[in-house]
């Protein structure tokens, strides 16, 4: 159970980092602002599209992480142990 929880937590961490990188893509300011609206707010934020792009990129990055750690056996612990002999 903790294995799948750890993998889900790593995926969510990657997803949120990528989301904040994708959010500014294609932002256009409103041309005519109404009273009470922030003039810097995007006219059409396209959050669904950005969530889909974020999910695809996150799945690719998580797949690379999973391949490196679970299939090839790389880990930060092994890198620290080999680096200590320098």
C-alpha atoms as a PDB file:
ATOM      1  CA  UNK A   1       0.000   0.000   0.000  1.00  0.00           C
ATOM      2  CA  UNK A   2       2.752   2.472   0.857  1.00  0.00           C
ATOM      3  CA  UNK A   3       4.455   1.761  -2.491  1.00  0.00           C
ATOM      4  CA  UNK A   4       1.424   2.960  -4.476  1.00  0.00           C
ATOM      5  CA  UNK A   5       0.913   5.879  -2.105  1.00  0.00           C
ATOM      6  CA  UNK A   6       4.530   6.930  -2.640  1.00  0.00           C
ATOM      7  CA  UNK A   7       4.187   6.673  -6.411  1.00  0.00           C
ATOM      8  CA  UNK A   8       0.963   8.722  -6.333  1.00  0.00           C
ATOM      9  CA  UNK A   9       2.607  11.354  -4.135  1.00  0.00           C
ATOM     10  CA  UNK A  10       5.570  11.626  -6.530  1.00  0.00           C
ATOM     11  CA  UNK A  11       3.192  11.934  -9.503  1.00  0.00           C
ATOM     12  CA  UNK A  12       1.198  14.683  -7.760  1.00  0.00           C
ATOM     13  CA  UNK A  13       4.365  16.549  -6.891  1.00  0.00           C
ATOM     14  CA  UNK A  14       5.465  16.421 -10.538  1.00  0.00           C
ATOM     15  CA  UNK A  15       1.939  17.383 -11.674  1.00  0.00           C
ATOM     16  CA  UNK A  16       1.768  20.537  -9.548  1.00  0.00           C
ATOM     17  CA  UNK A  17       5.275  21.672 -10.527  1.00  0.00           C
ATOM     18  CA  UNK A  18       4.398  21.236 -14.201  1.00  0.00           C
ATOM     19  CA  UNK A  19       1.028  22.971 -13.685  1.00  0.00           C
ATOM     20  CA  UNK A  20       2.723  26.122 -12.419  1.00  0.00           C
ATOM     21  CA  UNK A  21       5.061  26.010 -15.427  1.00  0.00           C
ATOM     22  CA  UNK A  22       2.134  25.578 -17.876  1.00  0.00           C
ATOM     23  CA  UNK A  23      -0.267  28.150 -16.382  1.00  0.00           C
ATOM     24  CA  UNK A  24       1.284  31.215 -18.081  1.00  0.00           C
ATOM     25  CA  UNK A  25       1.163  29.639 -21.579  1.00  0.00           C
ATOM     26  CA  UNK A  26      -1.102  31.556 -23.946  1.00  0.00           C
ATOM     27  CA  UNK A  27      -2.391  34.089 -21.426  1.00  0.00           C
ATOM     28  CA  UNK A  28      -4.087  37.130 -22.966  1.00  0.00           C
ATOM     29  CA  UNK A  29      -5.341  40.051 -20.900  1.00  0.00           C
ATOM     30  CA  UNK A  30      -8.920  41.223 -21.138  1.00  0.00           C
ATOM     31  CA  UNK A  31      -9.402  44.049 -23.607  1.00  0.00           C
ATOM     32  CA  UNK A  32     -12.391  45.624 -21.850  1.00  0.00           C
ATOM     33  CA  UNK A  33     -12.660  45.240 -18.103  1.00  0.00           C
ATOM     34  CA  UNK A  34     -15.919  45.486 -16.226  1.00  0.00           C
ATOM     35  CA  UNK A  35     -16.166  47.154 -12.822  1.00  0.00           C
ATOM     36  CA  UNK A  36     -15.047  44.773 -10.097  1.00  0.00           C
ATOM     37  CA  UNK A  37     -12.878  42.645 -12.408  1.00  0.00           C
ATOM     38  CA  UNK A  38      -9.108  42.632 -12.183  1.00  0.00           C
ATOM     39  CA  UNK A  39      -7.623  44.200 -15.338  1.00  0.00           C
ATOM     40  CA  UNK A  40      -4.772  41.684 -15.251  1.00  0.00           C
ATOM     41  CA  UNK A  41      -7.063  38.644 -15.219  1.00  0.00           C
ATOM     42  CA  UNK A  42      -6.841  36.434 -18.304  1.00  0.00           C
ATOM     43  CA  UNK A  43      -9.660  36.696 -20.832  1.00  0.00           C
ATOM     44  CA  UNK A  44      -9.829  32.923 -21.403  1.00  0.00           C
ATOM     45  CA  UNK A  45      -7.579  30.924 -19.050  1.00  0.00           C
ATOM     46  CA  UNK A  46      -8.286  27.524 -20.737  1.00  0.00           C
ATOM     47  CA  UNK A  47      -7.760  25.634 -17.478  1.00  0.00           C
ATOM     48  CA  UNK A  48      -9.096  22.328 -18.828  1.00  0.00           C
ATOM     49  CA  UNK A  49      -6.649  22.376 -21.727  1.00  0.00           C
ATOM     50  CA  UNK A  50      -3.785  23.293 -19.424  1.00  0.00           C
ATOM     51  CA  UNK A  51      -4.727  20.506 -16.988  1.00  0.00           C
ATOM     52  CA  UNK A  52      -4.657  18.012 -19.873  1.00  0.00           C
ATOM     53  CA  UNK A  53      -1.257  19.266 -21.066  1.00  0.00           C
ATOM     54  CA  UNK A  54       0.017  19.122 -17.481  1.00  0.00           C
ATOM     55  CA  UNK A  55      -1.219  15.544 -17.091  1.00  0.00           C
ATOM     56  CA  UNK A  56       0.431  14.372 -20.310  1.00  0.00           C
ATOM     57  CA  UNK A  57       3.787  15.978 -19.474  1.00  0.00           C
ATOM     58  CA  UNK A  58       3.601  14.682 -15.887  1.00  0.00           C
ATOM     59  CA  UNK A  59       2.865  11.141 -17.052  1.00  0.00           C
ATOM     60  CA  UNK A  60       5.893  11.258 -19.349  1.00  0.00           C
ATOM     61  CA  UNK A  61       8.194  12.570 -16.611  1.00  0.00           C
ATOM     62  CA  UNK A  62       6.817  10.119 -14.046  1.00  0.00           C
ATOM     63  CA  UNK A  63       7.322   7.302 -16.570  1.00  0.00           C
ATOM     64  CA  UNK A  64      10.982   8.266 -16.937  1.00  0.00           C
ATOM     65  CA  UNK A  65      11.316   8.408 -13.145  1.00  0.00           C
ATOM     66  CA  UNK A  66       9.609   5.007 -12.764  1.00  0.00           C
ATOM     67  CA  UNK A  67      11.805   3.440 -15.448  1.00  0.00           C
ATOM     68  CA  UNK A  68      15.011   4.793 -13.904  1.00  0.00           C
ATOM     69  CA  UNK A  69      14.155   3.817 -10.330  1.00  0.00           C
ATOM     70  CA  UNK A  70      12.144   0.614 -10.682  1.00  0.00           C
ATOM     71  CA  UNK A  71      13.484  -0.971 -13.881  1.00  0.00           C
ATOM     72  CA  UNK A  72      17.113   0.202 -13.935  1.00  0.00           C
ATOM     73  CA  UNK A  73      17.456   0.459 -10.151  1.00  0.00           C
ATOM     74  CA  UNK A  74      18.863   3.981  -9.837  1.00  0.00           C
ATOM     75  CA  UNK A  75      18.340   5.713  -6.508  1.00  0.00           C
ATOM     76  CA  UNK A  76      19.563   8.793  -4.696  1.00  0.00           C
ATOM     77  CA  UNK A  77      20.984   6.584  -1.959  1.00  0.00           C
ATOM     78  CA  UNK A  78      23.221   4.721  -4.428  1.00  0.00           C
ATOM     79  CA  UNK A  79      24.378   8.046  -5.901  1.00  0.00           C
ATOM     80  CA  UNK A  80      25.309   9.350  -2.445  1.00  0.00           C
ATOM     81  CA  UNK A  81      27.208   6.164  -1.599  1.00  0.00           C
ATOM     82  CA  UNK A  82      29.273   6.267  -4.781  1.00  0.00           C
ATOM     83  CA  UNK A  83      29.888  10.015  -4.375  1.00  0.00           C
ATOM     84  CA  UNK A  84      31.299   9.663  -0.870  1.00  0.00           C
ATOM     85  CA  UNK A  85      34.506   8.059  -2.166  1.00  0.00           C
ATOM     86  CA  UNK A  86      35.600  11.256  -3.949  1.00  0.00           C
END
